[in-house]
Structure formats: structure tokens, C-alpha cells
Amino acid sequence: MKHFSLSFVFALLFSLSTFAQKSKINFELAQQAKSAGSSMIDVFIKGDIFTIKQLVESNGGQFKYASGNIVVARIQSNSISTIASNTKVIRMEAYTPHLKIMGDTALIQNNVVPVHAGTAPLT
């Protein structure tokens, strides 16, 4: 009986977690939609291509390209909820790139490593 109730609880928790992920926009895009302002954002939009192209252009955005049923567009942050509310839009996602300058090869190419190591000759 104890084994049955434990497996029932796990099955219930697993089924509830699958229903919790039914949002049309990802978390980062939702945060940008709530922020004040009208900055331009590059987004991926999944759905009907022709409808999405009309929505993007009518909301002051720029349609870049499409592949399959995924559109890449540049839209204003204040028009995210308008585009996401359309029934032809299945999903919207946007990610901010977290780029970091890496100077690994610059140390080698400029012979900085031997200088830092103090190897001879330093003339």
C-alpha cells in the first residue's frame, strides 16, 4: 500500500509539471514585455508565416526571414503581447546574448606569456 501511494504521488507530480509549461512566450521575453519602453528585440516566432509577417509589419517591426514555420523578426518590446495574443502564433522566444571577450590567443600572439614568465632574453 505504501509503495502504491508513493508511486501515485510521483505520477501526479509529473503530470502536473507537464501542464505548467503552456506559456506562449519564454521568461526573458515576458520580462522585456513588462519593461517600459519600446526597444527593438530580435525574436523567434513559431506559427503561420503569412499571419506573423502581417502582424510584425503592422506593429512597426521588421520581418527578417523564415524557415519552416519559424520566423525571425525584429519587433518593439511594447508589441510583444499584441503579437503573442494572436491565435496563429504558437510560441515566441528571445534571448539576450551573454558575450564575453576572451583574450586567450592575444596573449600568445603578442608574446606576452614569456614576458610574464620572466624568461630570457628580455631585451
PDB file of N, CA and C in Angstrom:
ATOM      1  N   MET A   1       0.819  -1.194   0.000  1.00  0.00           N
ATOM      2  CA  MET A   1       0.000   0.000   0.000  1.00  0.00           C
ATOM      3  C   MET A   1       0.868   1.266   0.000  1.00  0.00           C
ATOM      4  N   LYS A   2       1.952   1.235   0.777  1.00  0.00           N
ATOM      5  CA  LYS A   2       2.840   2.393   0.859  1.00  0.00           C
ATOM      6  C   LYS A   2       3.517   2.642  -0.493  1.00  0.00           C
ATOM      7  N   HIS A   3       3.913   1.566  -1.179  1.00  0.00           N
ATOM      8  CA  HIS A   3       4.558   1.683  -2.485  1.00  0.00           C
ATOM      9  C   HIS A   3       3.582   2.253  -3.525  1.00  0.00           C
ATOM     10  N   PHE A   4       2.340   1.833  -3.467  1.00  0.00           N
ATOM     11  CA  PHE A   4       1.331   2.318  -4.394  1.00  0.00           C
ATOM     12  C   PHE A   4       1.078   3.807  -4.207  1.00  0.00           C
ATOM     13  N   SER A   5       0.955   4.248  -2.964  1.00  0.00           N
ATOM     14  CA  SER A   5       0.672   5.665  -2.712  1.00  0.00           C
ATOM     15  C   SER A   5       1.862   6.546  -3.094  1.00  0.00           C
ATOM     16  N   LEU A   6       3.087   6.034  -2.881  1.00  0.00           N
ATOM     17  CA  LEU A   6       4.272   6.804  -3.246  1.00  0.00           C
ATOM     18  C   LEU A   6       4.379   6.949  -4.763  1.00  0.00           C
ATOM     19  N   SER A   7       4.129   5.877  -5.496  1.00  0.00           N
ATOM     20  CA  SER A   7       4.180   5.959  -6.952  1.00  0.00           C
ATOM     21  C   SER A   7       3.036   6.809  -7.499  1.00  0.00           C
ATOM     22  N   PHE A   8       1.891   6.816  -6.829  1.00  0.00           N
ATOM     23  CA  PHE A   8       0.778   7.664  -7.252  1.00  0.00           C
ATOM     24  C   PHE A   8       1.133   9.141  -7.093  1.00  0.00           C
ATOM     25  N   VAL A   9       1.805   9.489  -5.999  1.00  0.00           N
ATOM     26  CA  VAL A   9       2.204  10.881  -5.764  1.00  0.00           C
ATOM     27  C   VAL A   9       3.209  11.325  -6.824  1.00  0.00           C
ATOM     28  N   PHE A  10       4.187  10.477  -7.145  1.00  0.00           N
ATOM     29  CA  PHE A  10       5.163  10.825  -8.187  1.00  0.00           C
ATOM     30  C   PHE A  10       4.499  10.988  -9.548  1.00  0.00           C
ATOM     31  N   ALA A  11       3.579  10.106  -9.874  1.00  0.00           N
ATOM     32  CA  ALA A  11       2.876  10.214 -11.151  1.00  0.00           C
ATOM     33  C   ALA A  11       2.050  11.491 -11.213  1.00  0.00           C
ATOM     34  N   LEU A  12       1.420  11.852 -10.108  1.00  0.00           N
ATOM     35  CA  LEU A  12       0.625  13.076 -10.058  1.00  0.00           C
ATOM     36  C   LEU A  12       1.500  14.313 -10.216  1.00  0.00           C
ATOM     37  N   LEU A  13       2.640  14.350  -9.529  1.00  0.00           N
ATOM     38  CA  LEU A  13       3.541  15.494  -9.643  1.00  0.00           C
ATOM     39  C   LEU A  13       4.111  15.614 -11.053  1.00  0.00           C
ATOM     40  N   PHE A  14       4.447  14.491 -11.673  1.00  0.00           N
ATOM     41  CA  PHE A  14       4.985  14.522 -13.030  1.00  0.00           C
ATOM     42  C   PHE A  14       3.940  15.032 -14.019  1.00  0.00           C
ATOM     43  N   SER A  15       2.696  14.603 -13.883  1.00  0.00           N
ATOM     44  CA  SER A  15       1.657  15.048 -14.816  1.00  0.00           C
ATOM     45  C   SER A  15       1.332  16.528 -14.624  1.00  0.00           C
ATOM     46  N   LEU A  16       1.390  17.018 -13.391  1.00  0.00           N
ATOM     47  CA  LEU A  16       1.132  18.439 -13.149  1.00  0.00           C
ATOM     48  C   LEU A  16       2.251  19.313 -13.698  1.00  0.00           C
ATOM     49  N   SER A  17       3.487  18.819 -13.645  1.00  0.00           N
ATOM     50  CA  SER A  17       4.601  19.626 -14.144  1.00  0.00           C
ATOM     51  C   SER A  17       4.557  19.766 -15.664  1.00  0.00           C
ATOM     52  N   THR A  18       3.993  18.793 -16.362  1.00  0.00           N
ATOM     53  CA  THR A  18       3.904  18.924 -17.812  1.00  0.00           C
ATOM     54  C   THR A  18       2.851  19.937 -18.223  1.00  0.00           C
ATOM     55  N   PHE A  19       1.820  20.129 -17.420  1.00  0.00           N
ATOM     56  CA  PHE A  19       0.791  21.115 -17.739  1.00  0.00           C
ATOM     57  C   PHE A  19       1.203  22.530 -17.372  1.00  0.00           C
ATOM     58  N   ALA A  20       2.234  22.683 -16.571  1.00  0.00           N
ATOM     59  CA  ALA A  20       2.648  24.001 -16.107  1.00  0.00           C
ATOM     60  C   ALA A  20       3.424  24.774 -17.168  1.00  0.00           C
ATOM     61  N   GLN A  21       3.805  24.153 -18.272  1.00  0.00           N
ATOM     62  CA  GLN A  21       4.654  24.791 -19.254  1.00  0.00           C
ATOM     63  C   GLN A  21       3.889  25.122 -20.531  1.00  0.00           C
ATOM     64  N   LYS A  22       2.771  25.801 -20.420  1.00  0.00           N
ATOM     65  CA  LYS A  22       1.928  26.101 -21.581  1.00  0.00           C
ATOM     66  C   LYS A  22       1.954  27.579 -21.950  1.00  0.00           C
ATOM     67  N   SER A  23       3.030  28.275 -21.678  1.00  0.00           N
ATOM     68  CA  SER A  23       3.119  29.688 -21.995  1.00  0.00           C
ATOM     69  C   SER A  23       3.533  29.880 -23.448  1.00  0.00           C
ATOM     70  N   LYS A  24       3.046  30.944 -24.061  1.00  0.00           N
ATOM     71  CA  LYS A  24       3.401  31.244 -25.450  1.00  0.00           C
ATOM     72  C   LYS A  24       4.752  31.935 -25.561  1.00  0.00           C
ATOM     73  N   ILE A  25       5.197  32.607 -24.508  1.00  0.00           N
ATOM     74  CA  ILE A  25       6.465  33.333 -24.562  1.00  0.00           C
ATOM     75  C   ILE A  25       7.380  32.842 -23.451  1.00  0.00           C
ATOM     76  N   ASN A  26       8.694  32.867 -23.695  1.00  0.00           N
ATOM     77  CA  ASN A  26       9.626  32.432 -22.668  1.00  0.00           C
ATOM     78  C   ASN A  26       9.798  33.509 -21.606  1.00  0.00           C
ATOM     79  N   PHE A  27      10.459  33.161 -20.504  1.00  0.00           N
ATOM     80  CA  PHE A  27      10.550  34.044 -19.343  1.00  0.00           C
ATOM     81  C   PHE A  27      11.246  35.362 -19.672  1.00  0.00           C
ATOM     82  N   GLU A  28      12.349  35.288 -20.411  1.00  0.00           N
ATOM     83  CA  GLU A  28      13.103  36.504 -20.725  1.00  0.00           C
ATOM     84  C   GLU A  28      12.297  37.465 -21.587  1.00  0.00           C
ATOM     85  N   LEU A  29      11.539  36.936 -22.527  1.00  0.00           N
ATOM     86  CA  LEU A  29      10.696  37.773 -23.375  1.00  0.00           C
ATOM     87  C   LEU A  29       9.549  38.376 -22.571  1.00  0.00           C
ATOM     88  N   ALA A  30       9.018  37.629 -21.614  1.00  0.00           N
ATOM     89  CA  ALA A  30       7.961  38.153 -20.746  1.00  0.00           C
ATOM     90  C   ALA A  30       8.477  39.306 -19.890  1.00  0.00           C
ATOM     91  N   GLN A  31       9.713  39.199 -19.424  1.00  0.00           N
ATOM     92  CA  GLN A  31      10.301  40.286 -18.643  1.00  0.00           C
ATOM     93  C   GLN A  31      10.496  41.539 -19.498  1.00  0.00           C
ATOM     94  N   GLN A  32      10.891  41.358 -20.749  1.00  0.00           N
ATOM     95  CA  GLN A  32      11.076  42.507 -21.634  1.00  0.00           C
ATOM     96  C   GLN A  32       9.743  43.127 -22.022  1.00  0.00           C
ATOM     97  N   ALA A  33       8.686  42.320 -22.073  1.00  0.00           N
ATOM     98  CA  ALA A  33       7.357  42.853 -22.394  1.00  0.00           C
ATOM     99  C   ALA A  33       6.836  43.714 -21.252  1.00  0.00           C
ATOM    100  N   LYS A  34       7.183  43.368 -20.017  1.00  0.00           N
ATOM    101  CA  LYS A  34       6.722  44.139 -18.847  1.00  0.00           C
ATOM    102  C   LYS A  34       7.493  45.437 -18.665  1.00  0.00           C
ATOM    103  N   SER A  35       8.720  45.491 -19.194  1.00  0.00           N
ATOM    104  CA  SER A  35       9.525  46.693 -19.006  1.00  0.00           C
ATOM    105  C   SER A  35       8.973  47.843 -19.838  1.00  0.00           C
ATOM    106  N   ALA A  36       9.133  49.027 -19.305  1.00  0.00           N
ATOM    107  CA  ALA A  36       8.650  50.213 -20.015  1.00  0.00           C
ATOM    108  C   ALA A  36       9.611  50.552 -21.148  1.00  0.00           C
ATOM    109  N   GLY A  37       9.083  51.077 -22.213  1.00  0.00           N
ATOM    110  CA  GLY A  37       9.908  51.465 -23.342  1.00  0.00           C
ATOM    111  C   GLY A  37       9.529  50.707 -24.591  1.00  0.00           C
ATOM    112  N   SER A  38      10.150  51.097 -25.666  1.00  0.00           N
ATOM    113  CA  SER A  38       9.852  50.455 -26.950  1.00  0.00           C
ATOM    114  C   SER A  38      11.141  50.078 -27.660  1.00  0.00           C
ATOM    115  N   SER A  39      12.031  49.388 -26.961  1.00  0.00           N
ATOM    116  CA  SER A  39      13.284  48.968 -27.581  1.00  0.00           C
ATOM    117  C   SER A  39      13.031  47.833 -28.566  1.00  0.00           C
ATOM    118  N   MET A  40      13.878  47.724 -29.566  1.00  0.00           N
ATOM    119  CA  MET A  40      13.737  46.689 -30.583  1.00  0.00           C
ATOM    120  C   MET A  40      14.390  45.394 -30.097  1.00  0.00           C
ATOM    121  N   ILE A  41      13.702  44.265 -30.322  1.00  0.00           N
ATOM    122  CA  ILE A  41      14.158  42.959 -29.858  1.00  0.00           C
ATOM    123  C   ILE A  41      14.092  41.980 -31.024  1.00  0.00           C
ATOM    124  N   ASP A  42      15.120  41.155 -31.165  1.00  0.00           N
ATOM    125  CA  ASP A  42      15.099  40.079 -32.153  1.00  0.00           C
ATOM    126  C   ASP A  42      14.433  38.863 -31.525  1.00  0.00           C
ATOM    127  N   VAL A  43      13.407  38.330 -32.184  1.00  0.00           N
ATOM    128  CA  VAL A  43      12.639  37.214 -31.627  1.00  0.00           C
ATOM    129  C   VAL A  43      12.467  36.100 -32.655  1.00  0.00           C
ATOM    130  N   PHE A  44      12.257  34.887 -32.121  1.00  0.00           N
ATOM    131  CA  PHE A  44      11.832  33.740 -32.909  1.00  0.00           C
ATOM    132  C   PHE A  44      10.346  33.575 -32.667  1.00  0.00           C
ATOM    133  N   ILE A  45       9.566  33.449 -33.735  1.00  0.00           N
ATOM    134  CA  ILE A  45       8.117  33.280 -33.613  1.00  0.00           C
ATOM    135  C   ILE A  45       7.720  32.043 -34.404  1.00  0.00           C
ATOM    136  N   LYS A  46       7.049  31.117 -33.726  1.00  0.00           N
ATOM    137  CA  LYS A  46       6.598  29.888 -34.387  1.00  0.00           C
ATOM    138  C   LYS A  46       5.110  30.003 -34.659  1.00  0.00           C
ATOM    139  N   GLY A  47       4.701  29.691 -35.885  1.00  0.00           N
ATOM    140  CA  GLY A  47       3.292  29.760 -36.251  1.00  0.00           C
ATOM    141  C   GLY A  47       3.115  29.917 -37.752  1.00  0.00           C
ATOM    142  N   ASP A  48       1.981  30.471 -38.138  1.00  0.00           N
ATOM    143  CA  ASP A  48       1.668  30.704 -39.547  1.00  0.00           C
ATOM    144  C   ASP A  48       2.497  31.883 -40.053  1.00  0.00           C
ATOM    145  N   ILE A  49       3.317  31.631 -41.068  1.00  0.00           N
ATOM    146  CA  ILE A  49       4.283  32.625 -41.541  1.00  0.00           C
ATOM    147  C   ILE A  49       3.619  33.880 -42.091  1.00  0.00           C
ATOM    148  N   PHE A  50       2.594  33.726 -42.900  1.00  0.00           N
ATOM    149  CA  PHE A  50       1.961  34.891 -43.534  1.00  0.00           C
ATOM    150  C   PHE A  50       1.257  35.778 -42.501  1.00  0.00           C
ATOM    151  N   THR A  51       0.580  35.162 -41.543  1.00  0.00           N
ATOM    152  CA  THR A  51      -0.077  35.936 -40.483  1.00  0.00           C
ATOM    153  C   THR A  51       0.946  36.664 -39.632  1.00  0.00           C
ATOM    154  N   ILE A  52       2.031  35.974 -39.289  1.00  0.00           N
ATOM    155  CA  ILE A  52       3.075  36.580 -38.450  1.00  0.00           C
ATOM    156  C   ILE A  52       3.740  37.740 -39.180  1.00  0.00           C
ATOM    157  N   LYS A  53       3.977  37.579 -40.481  1.00  0.00           N
ATOM    158  CA  LYS A  53       4.589  38.666 -41.251  1.00  0.00           C
ATOM    159  C   LYS A  53       3.701  39.907 -41.232  1.00  0.00           C
ATOM    160  N   GLN A  54       2.390  39.737 -41.406  1.00  0.00           N
ATOM    161  CA  GLN A  54       1.466  40.870 -41.355  1.00  0.00           C
ATOM    162  C   GLN A  54       1.427  41.491 -39.964  1.00  0.00           C
ATOM    163  N   LEU A  55       1.427  40.653 -38.912  1.00  0.00           N
ATOM    164  CA  LEU A  55       1.406  41.167 -37.538  1.00  0.00           C
ATOM    165  C   LEU A  55       2.656  41.982 -37.233  1.00  0.00           C
ATOM    166  N   VAL A  56       3.804  41.445 -37.614  1.00  0.00           N
ATOM    167  CA  VAL A  56       5.072  42.129 -37.330  1.00  0.00           C
ATOM    168  C   VAL A  56       5.130  43.475 -38.039  1.00  0.00           C
ATOM    169  N   GLU A  57       4.797  43.499 -39.320  1.00  0.00           N
ATOM    170  CA  GLU A  57       4.880  44.748 -40.069  1.00  0.00           C
ATOM    171  C   GLU A  57       3.825  45.759 -39.644  1.00  0.00           C
ATOM    172  N   SER A  58       2.634  45.290 -39.228  1.00  0.00           N
ATOM    173  CA  SER A  58       1.600  46.226 -38.780  1.00  0.00           C
ATOM    174  C   SER A  58       1.908  46.814 -37.402  1.00  0.00           C
ATOM    175  N   ASN A  59       2.776  46.146 -36.618  1.00  0.00           N
ATOM    176  CA  ASN A  59       3.159  46.659 -35.304  1.00  0.00           C
ATOM    177  C   ASN A  59       4.509  47.374 -35.329  1.00  0.00           C
ATOM    178  N   GLY A  60       4.961  47.752 -36.517  1.00  0.00           N
ATOM    179  CA  GLY A  60       6.192  48.535 -36.626  1.00  0.00           C
ATOM    180  C   GLY A  60       7.459  47.707 -36.529  1.00  0.00           C
ATOM    181  N   GLY A  61       7.374  46.422 -36.788  1.00  0.00           N
ATOM    182  CA  GLY A  61       8.541  45.560 -36.725  1.00  0.00           C
ATOM    183  C   GLY A  61       9.107  45.268 -38.091  1.00  0.00           C
ATOM    184  N   GLN A  62      10.155  44.459 -38.110  1.00  0.00           N
ATOM    185  CA  GLN A  62      10.826  44.110 -39.361  1.00  0.00           C
ATOM    186  C   GLN A  62      10.887  42.595 -39.474  1.00  0.00           C
ATOM    187  N   PHE A  63      10.303  42.049 -40.533  1.00  0.00           N
ATOM    188  CA  PHE A  63      10.355  40.630 -40.834  1.00  0.00           C
ATOM    189  C   PHE A  63      11.714  40.337 -41.446  1.00  0.00           C
ATOM    190  N   LYS A  64      12.516  39.451 -40.827  1.00  0.00           N
ATOM    191  CA  LYS A  64      13.850  39.159 -41.353  1.00  0.00           C
ATOM    192  C   LYS A  64      13.813  37.970 -42.303  1.00  0.00           C
ATOM    193  N   TYR A  65      13.499  36.785 -41.791  1.00  0.00           N
ATOM    194  CA  TYR A  65      13.430  35.598 -42.637  1.00  0.00           C
ATOM    195  C   TYR A  65      12.617  34.512 -41.941  1.00  0.00           C
ATOM    196  N   ALA A  66      12.299  33.462 -42.687  1.00  0.00           N
ATOM    197  CA  ALA A  66      11.521  32.349 -42.149  1.00  0.00           C
ATOM    198  C   ALA A  66      12.102  31.038 -42.649  1.00  0.00           C
ATOM    199  N   SER A  67      11.980  30.017 -41.818  1.00  0.00           N
ATOM    200  CA  SER A  67      12.398  28.669 -42.183  1.00  0.00           C
ATOM    201  C   SER A  67      11.400  27.694 -41.580  1.00  0.00           C
ATOM    202  N   GLY A  68      10.720  26.955 -42.450  1.00  0.00           N
ATOM    203  CA  GLY A  68       9.662  26.078 -41.952  1.00  0.00           C
ATOM    204  C   GLY A  68       8.518  26.926 -41.430  1.00  0.00           C
ATOM    205  N   ASN A  69       8.145  26.723 -40.174  1.00  0.00           N
ATOM    206  CA  ASN A  69       7.097  27.544 -39.568  1.00  0.00           C
ATOM    207  C   ASN A  69       7.658  28.464 -38.485  1.00  0.00           C
ATOM    208  N   ILE A  70       8.965  28.760 -38.553  1.00  0.00           N
ATOM    209  CA  ILE A  70       9.615  29.642 -37.579  1.00  0.00           C
ATOM    210  C   ILE A  70      10.063  30.909 -38.287  1.00  0.00           C
ATOM    211  N   VAL A  71       9.694  32.046 -37.710  1.00  0.00           N
ATOM    212  CA  VAL A  71      10.000  33.361 -38.262  1.00  0.00           C
ATOM    213  C   VAL A  71      10.993  34.056 -37.340  1.00  0.00           C
ATOM    214  N   VAL A  72      11.969  34.727 -37.932  1.00  0.00           N
ATOM    215  CA  VAL A  72      12.870  35.587 -37.169  1.00  0.00           C
ATOM    216  C   VAL A  72      12.501  37.015 -37.533  1.00  0.00           C
ATOM    217  N   ALA A  73      12.194  37.802 -36.496  1.00  0.00           N
ATOM    218  CA  ALA A  73      11.752  39.179 -36.725  1.00  0.00           C
ATOM    219  C   ALA A  73      12.344  40.095 -35.664  1.00  0.00           C
ATOM    220  N   ARG A  74      12.338  41.373 -35.972  1.00  0.00           N
ATOM    221  CA  ARG A  74      12.770  42.411 -35.020  1.00  0.00           C
ATOM    222  C   ARG A  74      11.540  43.241 -34.702  1.00  0.00           C
ATOM    223  N   ILE A  75      11.098  43.182 -33.430  1.00  0.00           N
ATOM    224  CA  ILE A  75       9.871  43.871 -33.028  1.00  0.00           C
ATOM    225  C   ILE A  75      10.135  44.786 -31.848  1.00  0.00           C
ATOM    226  N   GLN A  76       9.190  45.690 -31.602  1.00  0.00           N
ATOM    227  CA  GLN A  76       9.283  46.571 -30.446  1.00  0.00           C
ATOM    228  C   GLN A  76       8.801  45.813 -29.208  1.00  0.00           C
ATOM    229  N   SER A  77       9.403  46.113 -28.063  1.00  0.00           N
ATOM    230  CA  SER A  77       9.065  45.389 -26.839  1.00  0.00           C
ATOM    231  C   SER A  77       7.630  45.644 -26.384  1.00  0.00           C
ATOM    232  N   ASN A  78       7.055  46.784 -26.771  1.00  0.00           N
ATOM    233  CA  ASN A  78       5.668  47.051 -26.361  1.00  0.00           C
ATOM    234  C   ASN A  78       4.639  46.343 -27.241  1.00  0.00           C
ATOM    235  N   SER A  79       5.077  45.665 -28.316  1.00  0.00           N
ATOM    236  CA  SER A  79       4.129  44.938 -29.164  1.00  0.00           C
ATOM    237  C   SER A  79       4.210  43.425 -28.979  1.00  0.00           C
ATOM    238  N   ILE A  80       4.944  42.963 -27.977  1.00  0.00           N
ATOM    239  CA  ILE A  80       5.098  41.521 -27.727  1.00  0.00           C
ATOM    240  C   ILE A  80       3.760  40.880 -27.379  1.00  0.00           C
ATOM    241  N   SER A  81       3.034  41.476 -26.445  1.00  0.00           N
ATOM    242  CA  SER A  81       1.758  40.883 -26.017  1.00  0.00           C
ATOM    243  C   SER A  81       0.718  40.917 -27.130  1.00  0.00           C
ATOM    244  N   THR A  82       0.753  41.934 -27.991  1.00  0.00           N
ATOM    245  CA  THR A  82      -0.185  42.018 -29.108  1.00  0.00           C
ATOM    246  C   THR A  82       0.043  40.877 -30.091  1.00  0.00           C
ATOM    247  N   ILE A  83       1.298  40.619 -30.404  1.00  0.00           N
ATOM    248  CA  ILE A  83       1.617  39.547 -31.352  1.00  0.00           C
ATOM    249  C   ILE A  83       1.363  38.180 -30.722  1.00  0.00           C
ATOM    250  N   ALA A  84       1.708  38.016 -29.455  1.00  0.00           N
ATOM    251  CA  ALA A  84       1.532  36.725 -28.783  1.00  0.00           C
ATOM    252  C   ALA A  84       0.065  36.364 -28.589  1.00  0.00           C
ATOM    253  N   SER A  85      -0.814  37.348 -28.534  1.00  0.00           N
ATOM    254  CA  SER A  85      -2.235  37.070 -28.301  1.00  0.00           C
ATOM    255  C   SER A  85      -2.943  36.518 -29.532  1.00  0.00           C
ATOM    256  N   ASN A  86      -2.310  36.586 -30.699  1.00  0.00           N
ATOM    257  CA  ASN A  86      -2.924  36.060 -31.913  1.00  0.00           C
ATOM    258  C   ASN A  86      -2.972  34.535 -31.856  1.00  0.00           C
ATOM    259  N   THR A  87      -4.058  33.958 -32.358  1.00  0.00           N
ATOM    260  CA  THR A  87      -4.234  32.504 -32.300  1.00  0.00           C
ATOM    261  C   THR A  87      -3.315  31.752 -33.252  1.00  0.00           C
ATOM    262  N   LYS A  88      -2.800  32.406 -34.292  1.00  0.00           N
ATOM    263  CA  LYS A  88      -1.911  31.761 -35.249  1.00  0.00           C
ATOM    264  C   LYS A  88      -0.474  31.668 -34.742  1.00  0.00           C
ATOM    265  N   VAL A  89      -0.159  32.386 -33.657  1.00  0.00           N
ATOM    266  CA  VAL A  89       1.174  32.348 -33.061  1.00  0.00           C
ATOM    267  C   VAL A  89       1.200  31.221 -32.033  1.00  0.00           C
ATOM    268  N   ILE A  90       2.132  30.277 -32.213  1.00  0.00           N
ATOM    269  CA  ILE A  90       2.230  29.137 -31.302  1.00  0.00           C
ATOM    270  C   ILE A  90       3.190  29.439 -30.155  1.00  0.00           C
ATOM    271  N   ARG A  91       4.368  30.000 -30.477  1.00  0.00           N
ATOM    272  CA  ARG A  91       5.385  30.243 -29.455  1.00  0.00           C
ATOM    273  C   ARG A  91       6.265  31.397 -29.877  1.00  0.00           C
ATOM    274  N   MET A  92       6.750  32.179 -28.897  1.00  0.00           N
ATOM    275  CA  MET A  92       7.691  33.277 -29.125  1.00  0.00           C
ATOM    276  C   MET A  92       8.846  33.138 -28.146  1.00  0.00           C
ATOM    277  N   GLU A  93      10.067  33.340 -28.638  1.00  0.00           N
ATOM    278  CA  GLU A  93      11.246  33.259 -27.777  1.00  0.00           C
ATOM    279  C   GLU A  93      12.256  34.329 -28.160  1.00  0.00           C
ATOM    280  N   ALA A  94      12.962  34.827 -27.156  1.00  0.00           N
ATOM    281  CA  ALA A  94      14.058  35.781 -27.369  1.00  0.00           C
ATOM    282  C   ALA A  94      15.082  35.572 -26.269  1.00  0.00           C
ATOM    283  N   TYR A  95      16.337  35.683 -26.633  1.00  0.00           N
ATOM    284  CA  TYR A  95      17.419  35.511 -25.678  1.00  0.00           C
ATOM    285  C   TYR A  95      18.428  36.620 -25.869  1.00  0.00           C
ATOM    286  N   THR A  96      18.923  37.170 -24.756  1.00  0.00           N
ATOM    287  CA  THR A  96      19.983  38.166 -24.841  1.00  0.00           C
ATOM    288  C   THR A  96      21.314  37.426 -24.887  1.00  0.00           C
ATOM    289  N   PRO A  97      22.151  37.759 -25.837  1.00  0.00           N
ATOM    290  CA  PRO A  97      23.446  37.074 -25.896  1.00  0.00           C
ATOM    291  C   PRO A  97      24.337  37.519 -24.738  1.00  0.00           C
ATOM    292  N   HIS A  98      24.950  36.557 -24.100  1.00  0.00           N
ATOM    293  CA  HIS A  98      25.873  36.853 -22.995  1.00  0.00           C
ATOM    294  C   HIS A  98      27.292  36.648 -23.520  1.00  0.00           C
ATOM    295  N   LEU A  99      27.781  37.646 -24.234  1.00  0.00           N
ATOM    296  CA  LEU A  99      29.084  37.565 -24.863  1.00  0.00           C
ATOM    297  C   LEU A  99      30.156  38.098 -23.931  1.00  0.00           C
ATOM    298  N   LYS A 100      31.320  37.465 -23.983  1.00  0.00           N
ATOM    299  CA  LYS A 100      32.438  37.892 -23.155  1.00  0.00           C
ATOM    300  C   LYS A 100      33.688  37.856 -24.024  1.00  0.00           C
ATOM    301  N   ILE A 101      34.452  38.924 -24.018  1.00  0.00           N
ATOM    302  CA  ILE A 101      35.669  38.989 -24.812  1.00  0.00           C
ATOM    303  C   ILE A 101      36.722  38.089 -24.168  1.00  0.00           C
ATOM    304  N   MET A 102      37.224  37.182 -24.957  1.00  0.00           N
ATOM    305  CA  MET A 102      38.255  36.268 -24.476  1.00  0.00           C
ATOM    306  C   MET A 102      39.572  36.645 -25.142  1.00  0.00           C
ATOM    307  N   GLY A 103      40.593  36.935 -24.359  1.00  0.00           N
ATOM    308  CA  GLY A 103      41.882  37.332 -24.896  1.00  0.00           C
ATOM    309  C   GLY A 103      42.913  36.224 -24.821  1.00  0.00           C
ATOM    310  N   ASP A 104      42.499  34.978 -24.925  1.00  0.00           N
ATOM    311  CA  ASP A 104      43.418  33.855 -24.798  1.00  0.00           C
ATOM    312  C   ASP A 104      44.482  33.860 -25.889  1.00  0.00           C
ATOM    313  N   THR A 105      44.061  34.016 -27.131  1.00  0.00           N
ATOM    314  CA  THR A 105      45.036  33.980 -28.223  1.00  0.00           C
ATOM    315  C   THR A 105      45.835  35.266 -28.311  1.00  0.00           C
ATOM    316  N   ALA A 106      45.307  36.371 -27.791  1.00  0.00           N
ATOM    317  CA  ALA A 106      46.050  37.636 -27.837  1.00  0.00           C
ATOM    318  C   ALA A 106      47.310  37.542 -26.986  1.00  0.00           C
ATOM    319  N   LEU A 107      47.247  36.831 -25.871  1.00  0.00           N
ATOM    320  CA  LEU A 107      48.432  36.668 -25.029  1.00  0.00           C
ATOM    321  C   LEU A 107      49.526  35.906 -25.772  1.00  0.00           C
ATOM    322  N   ILE A 108      49.131  34.865 -26.493  1.00  0.00           N
ATOM    323  CA  ILE A 108      50.106  34.044 -27.205  1.00  0.00           C
ATOM    324  C   ILE A 108      50.657  34.777 -28.422  1.00  0.00           C
ATOM    325  N   GLN A 109      49.775  35.397 -29.217  1.00  0.00           N
ATOM    326  CA  GLN A 109      50.197  36.056 -30.449  1.00  0.00           C
ATOM    327  C   GLN A 109      51.114  37.254 -30.191  1.00  0.00           C
ATOM    328  N   ASN A 110      50.926  37.917 -29.072  1.00  0.00           N
ATOM    329  CA  ASN A 110      51.741  39.095 -28.763  1.00  0.00           C
ATOM    330  C   ASN A 110      52.934  38.774 -27.871  1.00  0.00           C
ATOM    331  N   ASN A 111      53.204  37.498 -27.685  1.00  0.00           N
ATOM    332  CA  ASN A 111      54.334  37.018 -26.871  1.00  0.00           C
ATOM    333  C   ASN A 111      54.330  37.596 -25.461  1.00  0.00           C
ATOM    334  N   VAL A 112      53.172  37.696 -24.866  1.00  0.00           N
ATOM    335  CA  VAL A 112      53.047  38.224 -23.519  1.00  0.00           C
ATOM    336  C   VAL A 112      53.350  37.150 -22.485  1.00  0.00           C
ATOM    337  N   VAL A 113      53.080  35.894 -22.809  1.00  0.00           N
ATOM    338  CA  VAL A 113      53.283  34.793 -21.854  1.00  0.00           C
ATOM    339  C   VAL A 113      54.753  34.681 -21.444  1.00  0.00           C
ATOM    340  N   PRO A 114      55.727  34.716 -22.385  1.00  0.00           N
ATOM    341  CA  PRO A 114      57.126  34.652 -21.951  1.00  0.00           C
ATOM    342  C   PRO A 114      57.537  35.859 -21.110  1.00  0.00           C
ATOM    343  N   VAL A 115      56.994  37.022 -21.407  1.00  0.00           N
ATOM    344  CA  VAL A 115      57.328  38.211 -20.624  1.00  0.00           C
ATOM    345  C   VAL A 115      56.793  38.081 -19.206  1.00  0.00           C
ATOM    346  N   HIS A 116      55.575  37.608 -19.071  1.00  0.00           N
ATOM    347  CA  HIS A 116      55.008  37.419 -17.736  1.00  0.00           C
ATOM    348  C   HIS A 116      55.745  36.339 -16.971  1.00  0.00           C
ATOM    349  N   ALA A 117      56.261  35.337 -17.671  1.00  0.00           N
ATOM    350  CA  ALA A 117      57.003  34.252 -17.026  1.00  0.00           C
ATOM    351  C   ALA A 117      58.430  34.676 -16.651  1.00  0.00           C
ATOM    352  N   GLY A 118      58.906  35.755 -17.260  1.00  0.00           N
ATOM    353  CA  GLY A 118      60.244  36.260 -16.948  1.00  0.00           C
ATOM    354  C   GLY A 118      61.347  35.468 -17.621  1.00  0.00           C
ATOM    355  N   THR A 119      61.060  34.824 -18.732  1.00  0.00           N
ATOM    356  CA  THR A 119      62.100  34.054 -19.412  1.00  0.00           C
ATOM    357  C   THR A 119      63.045  34.964 -20.156  1.00  0.00           C
ATOM    358  N   ALA A 120      64.264  34.494 -20.331  1.00  0.00           N
ATOM    359  CA  ALA A 120      65.301  35.285 -21.009  1.00  0.00           C
ATOM    360  C   ALA A 120      65.156  35.128 -22.513  1.00  0.00           C
ATOM    361  N   PRO A 121      65.570  35.972 -23.332  1.00  0.00           N
ATOM    362  CA  PRO A 121      66.090  37.312 -23.087  1.00  0.00           C
ATOM    363  C   PRO A 121      64.958  38.338 -23.060  1.00  0.00           C
ATOM    364  N   LEU A 122      65.057  39.255 -22.144  1.00  0.00           N
ATOM    365  CA  LEU A 122      64.069  40.342 -22.024  1.00  0.00           C
ATOM    366  C   LEU A 122      64.706  41.657 -22.467  1.00  0.00           C
ATOM    367  N   THR A 123      65.221  41.695 -23.657  1.00  0.00           N
ATOM    368  CA  THR A 123      65.878  42.908 -24.144  1.00  0.00           C
ATOM    369  C   THR A 123      65.091  43.541 -25.254  1.00  0.00           C
TER     370      THR A 123
END
